[in-house]
Amino acid sequence: MPQGTIKKVTDRGFGFIDTGKGDLFFHVSSVQGASFESLKTGMKVEYEEGDGPKGKNATVVRPI
Protein backbone atom coordinates (compact mmCIF):
# COMPACT_ATOMS: atom_id res chain seq x y z
CA MET A 1 0.00 0.00 0.00
CA PRO A 2 1.45 3.43 -0.90
CA GLN A 3 2.40 5.83 1.87
CA GLY A 4 2.26 9.60 2.16
CA THR A 5 1.98 12.49 4.58
CA ILE A 6 -1.10 14.48 5.53
CA LYS A 7 -0.65 17.88 3.91
CA LYS A 8 -3.89 19.52 5.05
CA VAL A 9 -7.05 18.60 6.96
CA THR A 10 -10.05 20.91 6.84
CA ASP A 11 -12.95 21.34 9.23
CA ARG A 12 -15.28 20.61 6.30
CA GLY A 13 -14.61 16.85 6.23
CA PHE A 14 -11.82 16.47 3.70
CA GLY A 15 -8.08 16.76 3.36
CA PHE A 16 -5.07 16.19 1.14
CA ILE A 17 -2.20 13.71 1.20
CA ASP A 18 1.27 14.58 -0.12
CA THR A 19 2.12 11.45 -2.12
CA GLY A 20 5.51 12.61 -3.37
CA LYS A 21 3.99 12.83 -6.87
CA GLY A 22 1.37 15.44 -6.09
CA ASP A 23 -1.52 15.93 -3.70
CA LEU A 24 -4.35 13.43 -3.35
CA PHE A 25 -7.81 14.39 -2.06
CA PHE A 26 -9.53 12.31 0.64
CA HIS A 27 -12.94 12.49 2.30
CA VAL A 28 -13.81 11.80 5.94
CA SER A 29 -15.60 8.61 4.83
CA SER A 30 -12.31 7.12 3.55
CA VAL A 31 -10.53 7.24 6.95
CA GLN A 32 -10.10 3.84 8.65
CA GLY A 33 -8.50 2.87 11.95
CA ALA A 34 -8.73 6.39 13.40
CA SER A 35 -11.16 9.27 13.63
CA PHE A 36 -11.00 12.03 11.06
CA GLU A 37 -10.45 14.52 13.90
CA SER A 38 -7.27 12.70 14.98
CA LEU A 39 -5.53 13.31 11.62
CA LYS A 40 -2.98 16.11 11.79
CA THR A 41 -0.71 17.83 9.29
CA GLY A 42 2.56 15.90 8.90
CA MET A 43 1.09 12.56 10.02
CA LYS A 44 2.23 9.51 8.01
CA VAL A 45 -0.57 7.50 6.39
CA GLU A 46 -1.02 4.66 3.97
CA TYR A 47 -3.72 4.94 1.33
CA GLU A 48 -5.43 3.27 -1.59
CA GLU A 49 -5.97 5.35 -4.70
CA GLY A 50 -9.15 5.31 -6.75
CA ASP A 51 -11.12 7.36 -9.23
CA GLY A 52 -13.79 9.73 -8.00
CA PRO A 53 -16.19 12.03 -9.82
CA LYS A 54 -13.55 14.77 -9.91
CA GLY A 55 -10.48 12.62 -10.62
CA LYS A 56 -8.02 10.65 -8.49
CA ASN A 57 -8.63 10.44 -4.75
CA ALA A 58 -7.76 8.29 -1.75
CA THR A 59 -10.45 5.68 -1.15
CA VAL A 60 -8.88 4.31 2.05
CA VAL A 61 -6.67 6.30 4.46
CA ARG A 62 -5.03 4.68 7.51
CA PRO A 63 -2.51 6.25 9.91
CA ILE A 64 0.77 4.37 10.36
PDB file of N, CA and C in Angstrom:
ATOM      1  N   MET A   1       0.860  -1.178   0.000  1.00  0.00           N
ATOM      2  CA  MET A   1       0.000   0.000   0.000  1.00  0.00           C
ATOM      3  C   MET A   1       0.902   1.235   0.000  1.00  0.00           C
ATOM      4  N   PRO A   2       0.634   2.208  -0.870  1.00  0.00           N
ATOM      5  CA  PRO A   2       1.453   3.427  -0.900  1.00  0.00           C
ATOM      6  C   PRO A   2       1.342   4.219   0.401  1.00  0.00           C
ATOM      7  N   GLN A   3       2.381   5.008   0.668  1.00  0.00           N
ATOM      8  CA  GLN A   3       2.395   5.827   1.874  1.00  0.00           C
ATOM      9  C   GLN A   3       2.609   7.289   1.504  1.00  0.00           C
ATOM     10  N   GLY A   4       2.106   8.166   2.362  1.00  0.00           N
ATOM     11  CA  GLY A   4       2.265   9.597   2.158  1.00  0.00           C
ATOM     12  C   GLY A   4       2.136  10.320   3.486  1.00  0.00           C
ATOM     13  N   THR A   5       2.060  11.630   3.399  1.00  0.00           N
ATOM     14  CA  THR A   5       1.984  12.493   4.580  1.00  0.00           C
ATOM     15  C   THR A   5       0.769  13.406   4.455  1.00  0.00           C
ATOM     16  N   ILE A   6       0.033  13.558   5.549  1.00  0.00           N
ATOM     17  CA  ILE A   6      -1.101  14.483   5.531  1.00  0.00           C
ATOM     18  C   ILE A   6      -0.580  15.897   5.291  1.00  0.00           C
ATOM     19  N   LYS A   7      -1.075  16.520   4.234  1.00  0.00           N
ATOM     20  CA  LYS A   7      -0.655  17.878   3.907  1.00  0.00           C
ATOM     21  C   LYS A   7      -1.600  18.905   4.541  1.00  0.00           C
ATOM     22  N   LYS A   8      -2.898  18.588   4.517  1.00  0.00           N
ATOM     23  CA  LYS A   8      -3.886  19.521   5.051  1.00  0.00           C
ATOM     24  C   LYS A   8      -5.144  18.749   5.413  1.00  0.00           C
ATOM     25  N   VAL A   9      -5.752  19.133   6.541  1.00  0.00           N
ATOM     26  CA  VAL A   9      -7.049  18.605   6.956  1.00  0.00           C
ATOM     27  C   VAL A   9      -7.947  19.798   7.229  1.00  0.00           C
ATOM     28  N   THR A  10      -9.135  19.786   6.657  1.00  0.00           N
ATOM     29  CA  THR A  10     -10.054  20.913   6.839  1.00  0.00           C
ATOM     30  C   THR A  10     -11.123  20.574   7.868  1.00  0.00           C
ATOM     31  N   ASP A  11     -11.826  21.569   8.313  1.00  0.00           N
ATOM     32  CA  ASP A  11     -12.952  21.343   9.230  1.00  0.00           C
ATOM     33  C   ASP A  11     -14.237  21.053   8.455  1.00  0.00           C
ATOM     34  N   ARG A  12     -14.122  20.888   7.156  1.00  0.00           N
ATOM     35  CA  ARG A  12     -15.278  20.611   6.303  1.00  0.00           C
ATOM     36  C   ARG A  12     -15.356  19.136   5.888  1.00  0.00           C
ATOM     37  N   GLY A  13     -14.491  18.282   6.479  1.00  0.00           N
ATOM     38  CA  GLY A  13     -14.606  16.847   6.235  1.00  0.00           C
ATOM     39  C   GLY A  13     -13.781  16.298   5.096  1.00  0.00           C
ATOM     40  N   PHE A  14     -12.722  17.005   4.715  1.00  0.00           N
ATOM     41  CA  PHE A  14     -11.820  16.473   3.697  1.00  0.00           C
ATOM     42  C   PHE A  14     -10.406  16.946   3.958  1.00  0.00           C
ATOM     43  N   GLY A  15      -9.472  16.373   3.215  1.00  0.00           N
ATOM     44  CA  GLY A  15      -8.083  16.761   3.361  1.00  0.00           C
ATOM     45  C   GLY A  15      -7.284  16.336   2.145  1.00  0.00           C
ATOM     46  N   PHE A  16      -5.958  16.517   2.243  1.00  0.00           N
ATOM     47  CA  PHE A  16      -5.067  16.194   1.141  1.00  0.00           C
ATOM     48  C   PHE A  16      -3.841  15.459   1.661  1.00  0.00           C
ATOM     49  N   ILE A  17      -3.386  14.492   0.879  1.00  0.00           N
ATOM     50  CA  ILE A  17      -2.196  13.711   1.201  1.00  0.00           C
ATOM     51  C   ILE A  17      -1.101  14.096   0.217  1.00  0.00           C
ATOM     52  N   ASP A  18       0.089  14.367   0.721  1.00  0.00           N
ATOM     53  CA  ASP A  18       1.268  14.583  -0.122  1.00  0.00           C
ATOM     54  C   ASP A  18       1.822  13.207  -0.447  1.00  0.00           C
ATOM     55  N   THR A  19       1.708  12.793  -1.698  1.00  0.00           N
ATOM     56  CA  THR A  19       2.121  11.452  -2.116  1.00  0.00           C
ATOM     57  C   THR A  19       3.559  11.402  -2.617  1.00  0.00           C
ATOM     58  N   GLY A  20       4.185  12.548  -2.760  1.00  0.00           N
ATOM     59  CA  GLY A  20       5.507  12.607  -3.367  1.00  0.00           C
ATOM     60  C   GLY A  20       5.421  12.827  -4.870  1.00  0.00           C
ATOM     61  N   LYS A  21       4.238  12.618  -5.445  1.00  0.00           N
ATOM     62  CA  LYS A  21       3.995  12.829  -6.874  1.00  0.00           C
ATOM     63  C   LYS A  21       2.876  13.837  -7.088  1.00  0.00           C
ATOM     64  N   GLY A  22       2.489  14.506  -6.022  1.00  0.00           N
ATOM     65  CA  GLY A  22       1.373  15.444  -6.088  1.00  0.00           C
ATOM     66  C   GLY A  22       0.433  15.199  -4.926  1.00  0.00           C
ATOM     67  N   ASP A  23      -0.559  16.039  -4.795  1.00  0.00           N
ATOM     68  CA  ASP A  23      -1.518  15.932  -3.700  1.00  0.00           C
ATOM     69  C   ASP A  23      -2.686  15.050  -4.109  1.00  0.00           C
ATOM     70  N   LEU A  24      -3.226  14.329  -3.121  1.00  0.00           N
ATOM     71  CA  LEU A  24      -4.348  13.434  -3.352  1.00  0.00           C
ATOM     72  C   LEU A  24      -5.449  13.787  -2.362  1.00  0.00           C
ATOM     73  N   PHE A  25      -6.639  14.045  -2.862  1.00  0.00           N
ATOM     74  CA  PHE A  25      -7.805  14.390  -2.061  1.00  0.00           C
ATOM     75  C   PHE A  25      -8.294  13.169  -1.289  1.00  0.00           C
ATOM     76  N   PHE A  26      -8.796  13.365  -0.062  1.00  0.00           N
ATOM     77  CA  PHE A  26      -9.525  12.312   0.637  1.00  0.00           C
ATOM     78  C   PHE A  26     -10.685  12.908   1.417  1.00  0.00           C
ATOM     79  N   HIS A  27     -11.725  12.098   1.599  1.00  0.00           N
ATOM     80  CA  HIS A  27     -12.938  12.495   2.304  1.00  0.00           C
ATOM     81  C   HIS A  27     -12.980  11.794   3.658  1.00  0.00           C
ATOM     82  N   VAL A  28     -13.683  12.366   4.604  1.00  0.00           N
ATOM     83  CA  VAL A  28     -13.815  11.797   5.944  1.00  0.00           C
ATOM     84  C   VAL A  28     -14.258  10.340   5.886  1.00  0.00           C
ATOM     85  N   SER A  29     -15.082   9.971   4.933  1.00  0.00           N
ATOM     86  CA  SER A  29     -15.604   8.606   4.832  1.00  0.00           C
ATOM     87  C   SER A  29     -14.534   7.590   4.439  1.00  0.00           C
ATOM     88  N   SER A  30     -13.376   8.035   3.966  1.00  0.00           N
ATOM     89  CA  SER A  30     -12.314   7.115   3.554  1.00  0.00           C
ATOM     90  C   SER A  30     -11.332   6.789   4.681  1.00  0.00           C
ATOM     91  N   VAL A  31     -11.461   7.439   5.829  1.00  0.00           N
ATOM     92  CA  VAL A  31     -10.533   7.235   6.951  1.00  0.00           C
ATOM     93  C   VAL A  31     -10.906   5.958   7.699  1.00  0.00           C
ATOM     94  N   GLN A  32      -9.902   5.087   7.921  1.00  0.00           N
ATOM     95  CA  GLN A  32     -10.105   3.839   8.653  1.00  0.00           C
ATOM     96  C   GLN A  32      -9.061   3.720   9.753  1.00  0.00           C
ATOM     97  N   GLY A  33      -9.437   3.120  10.869  1.00  0.00           N
ATOM     98  CA  GLY A  33      -8.500   2.875  11.952  1.00  0.00           C
ATOM     99  C   GLY A  33      -8.212   4.078  12.837  1.00  0.00           C
ATOM    100  N   ALA A  34      -8.892   5.169  12.602  1.00  0.00           N
ATOM    101  CA  ALA A  34      -8.728   6.394  13.400  1.00  0.00           C
ATOM    102  C   ALA A  34      -9.914   7.301  13.097  1.00  0.00           C
ATOM    103  N   SER A  35     -10.106   8.293  13.933  1.00  0.00           N
ATOM    104  CA  SER A  35     -11.157   9.270  13.632  1.00  0.00           C
ATOM    105  C   SER A  35     -10.578  10.348  12.717  1.00  0.00           C
ATOM    106  N   PHE A  36     -11.438  10.953  11.946  1.00  0.00           N
ATOM    107  CA  PHE A  36     -11.005  12.034  11.065  1.00  0.00           C
ATOM    108  C   PHE A  36     -10.368  13.154  11.874  1.00  0.00           C
ATOM    109  N   GLU A  37     -10.935  13.433  13.048  1.00  0.00           N
ATOM    110  CA  GLU A  37     -10.453  14.524  13.897  1.00  0.00           C
ATOM    111  C   GLU A  37      -9.042  14.273  14.428  1.00  0.00           C
ATOM    112  N   SER A  38      -8.606  13.012  14.465  1.00  0.00           N
ATOM    113  CA  SER A  38      -7.271  12.695  14.983  1.00  0.00           C
ATOM    114  C   SER A  38      -6.171  12.902  13.941  1.00  0.00           C
ATOM    115  N   LEU A  39      -6.532  13.100  12.677  1.00  0.00           N
ATOM    116  CA  LEU A  39      -5.532  13.311  11.624  1.00  0.00           C
ATOM    117  C   LEU A  39      -4.976  14.727  11.713  1.00  0.00           C
ATOM    118  N   LYS A  40      -3.665  14.817  11.668  1.00  0.00           N
ATOM    119  CA  LYS A  40      -2.979  16.108  11.787  1.00  0.00           C
ATOM    120  C   LYS A  40      -1.990  16.289  10.636  1.00  0.00           C
ATOM    121  N   THR A  41      -1.699  17.514  10.305  1.00  0.00           N
ATOM    122  CA  THR A  41      -0.707  17.832   9.287  1.00  0.00           C
ATOM    123  C   THR A  41       0.629  17.189   9.659  1.00  0.00           C
ATOM    124  N   GLY A  42       1.268  16.541   8.689  1.00  0.00           N
ATOM    125  CA  GLY A  42       2.563  15.904   8.900  1.00  0.00           C
ATOM    126  C   GLY A  42       2.473  14.447   9.312  1.00  0.00           C
ATOM    127  N   MET A  43       1.271  13.952   9.606  1.00  0.00           N
ATOM    128  CA  MET A  43       1.094  12.557  10.024  1.00  0.00           C
ATOM    129  C   MET A  43       1.303  11.624   8.830  1.00  0.00           C
ATOM    130  N   LYS A  44       2.005  10.518   9.053  1.00  0.00           N
ATOM    131  CA  LYS A  44       2.225   9.514   8.010  1.00  0.00           C
ATOM    132  C   LYS A  44       0.990   8.631   7.886  1.00  0.00           C
ATOM    133  N   VAL A  45       0.587   8.351   6.649  1.00  0.00           N
ATOM    134  CA  VAL A  45      -0.571   7.502   6.385  1.00  0.00           C
ATOM    135  C   VAL A  45      -0.264   6.568   5.221  1.00  0.00           C
ATOM    136  N   GLU A  46      -1.013   5.487   5.165  1.00  0.00           N
ATOM    137  CA  GLU A  46      -1.022   4.663   3.973  1.00  0.00           C
ATOM    138  C   GLU A  46      -2.393   4.833   3.341  1.00  0.00           C
ATOM    139  N   TYR A  47      -2.475   4.648   2.024  1.00  0.00           N
ATOM    140  CA  TYR A  47      -3.721   4.940   1.328  1.00  0.00           C
ATOM    141  C   TYR A  47      -3.883   4.036   0.119  1.00  0.00           C
ATOM    142  N   GLU A  48      -5.116   3.924  -0.325  1.00  0.00           N
ATOM    143  CA  GLU A  48      -5.432   3.272  -1.587  1.00  0.00           C
ATOM    144  C   GLU A  48      -5.990   4.346  -2.507  1.00  0.00           C
ATOM    145  N   GLU A  49      -5.564   4.330  -3.742  1.00  0.00           N
ATOM    146  CA  GLU A  49      -5.973   5.352  -4.698  1.00  0.00           C
ATOM    147  C   GLU A  49      -7.081   4.820  -5.595  1.00  0.00           C
ATOM    148  N   GLY A  50      -8.043   5.673  -5.863  1.00  0.00           N
ATOM    149  CA  GLY A  50      -9.146   5.314  -6.752  1.00  0.00           C
ATOM    150  C   GLY A  50      -9.574   6.507  -7.577  1.00  0.00           C
ATOM    151  N   ASP A  51     -10.578   6.292  -8.392  1.00  0.00           N
ATOM    152  CA  ASP A  51     -11.119   7.360  -9.229  1.00  0.00           C
ATOM    153  C   ASP A  51     -12.444   7.832  -8.656  1.00  0.00           C
ATOM    154  N   GLY A  52     -12.555   9.125  -8.478  1.00  0.00           N
ATOM    155  CA  GLY A  52     -13.789   9.727  -7.997  1.00  0.00           C
ATOM    156  C   GLY A  52     -14.416  10.560  -9.095  1.00  0.00           C
ATOM    157  N   PRO A  53     -15.517  11.224  -8.807  1.00  0.00           N
ATOM    158  CA  PRO A  53     -16.194  12.033  -9.816  1.00  0.00           C
ATOM    159  C   PRO A  53     -15.362  13.220 -10.316  1.00  0.00           C
ATOM    160  N   LYS A  54     -14.384  13.632  -9.503  1.00  0.00           N
ATOM    161  CA  LYS A  54     -13.550  14.774  -9.907  1.00  0.00           C
ATOM    162  C   LYS A  54     -12.096  14.367 -10.147  1.00  0.00           C
ATOM    163  N   GLY A  55     -11.842  13.076 -10.346  1.00  0.00           N
ATOM    164  CA  GLY A  55     -10.482  12.616 -10.621  1.00  0.00           C
ATOM    165  C   GLY A  55      -9.970  11.685  -9.539  1.00  0.00           C
ATOM    166  N   LYS A  56      -8.656  11.551  -9.457  1.00  0.00           N
ATOM    167  CA  LYS A  56      -8.022  10.649  -8.491  1.00  0.00           C
ATOM    168  C   LYS A  56      -8.266  11.120  -7.066  1.00  0.00           C
ATOM    169  N   ASN A  57      -8.483  10.138  -6.166  1.00  0.00           N
ATOM    170  CA  ASN A  57      -8.626  10.445  -4.750  1.00  0.00           C
ATOM    171  C   ASN A  57      -8.212   9.229  -3.935  1.00  0.00           C
ATOM    172  N   ALA A  58      -8.083   9.402  -2.640  1.00  0.00           N
ATOM    173  CA  ALA A  58      -7.757   8.292  -1.750  1.00  0.00           C
ATOM    174  C   ALA A  58      -9.067   7.672  -1.281  1.00  0.00           C
ATOM    175  N   THR A  59      -9.221   6.367  -1.528  1.00  0.00           N
ATOM    176  CA  THR A  59     -10.446   5.681  -1.152  1.00  0.00           C
ATOM    177  C   THR A  59     -10.352   5.064   0.236  1.00  0.00           C
ATOM    178  N   VAL A  60      -9.139   4.816   0.694  1.00  0.00           N
ATOM    179  CA  VAL A  60      -8.876   4.310   2.047  1.00  0.00           C
ATOM    180  C   VAL A  60      -7.683   5.072   2.596  1.00  0.00           C
ATOM    181  N   VAL A  61      -7.776   5.591   3.803  1.00  0.00           N
ATOM    182  CA  VAL A  61      -6.672   6.305   4.458  1.00  0.00           C
ATOM    183  C   VAL A  61      -6.531   5.728   5.856  1.00  0.00           C
ATOM    184  N   ARG A  62      -5.305   5.242   6.181  1.00  0.00           N
ATOM    185  CA  ARG A  62      -5.028   4.684   7.511  1.00  0.00           C
ATOM    186  C   ARG A  62      -3.733   5.279   8.047  1.00  0.00           C
ATOM    187  N   PRO A  63      -3.754   5.765   9.289  1.00  0.00           N
ATOM    188  CA  PRO A  63      -2.509   6.247   9.907  1.00  0.00           C
ATOM    189  C   PRO A  63      -1.539   5.095  10.120  1.00  0.00           C
ATOM    190  N   ILE A  64      -0.237   5.394  10.051  1.00  0.00           N
ATOM    191  CA  ILE A  64       0.768   4.371  10.364  1.00  0.00           C
ATOM    192  C   ILE A  64       1.567   4.769  11.583  1.00  0.00           C
TER     193      ILE A  64
END
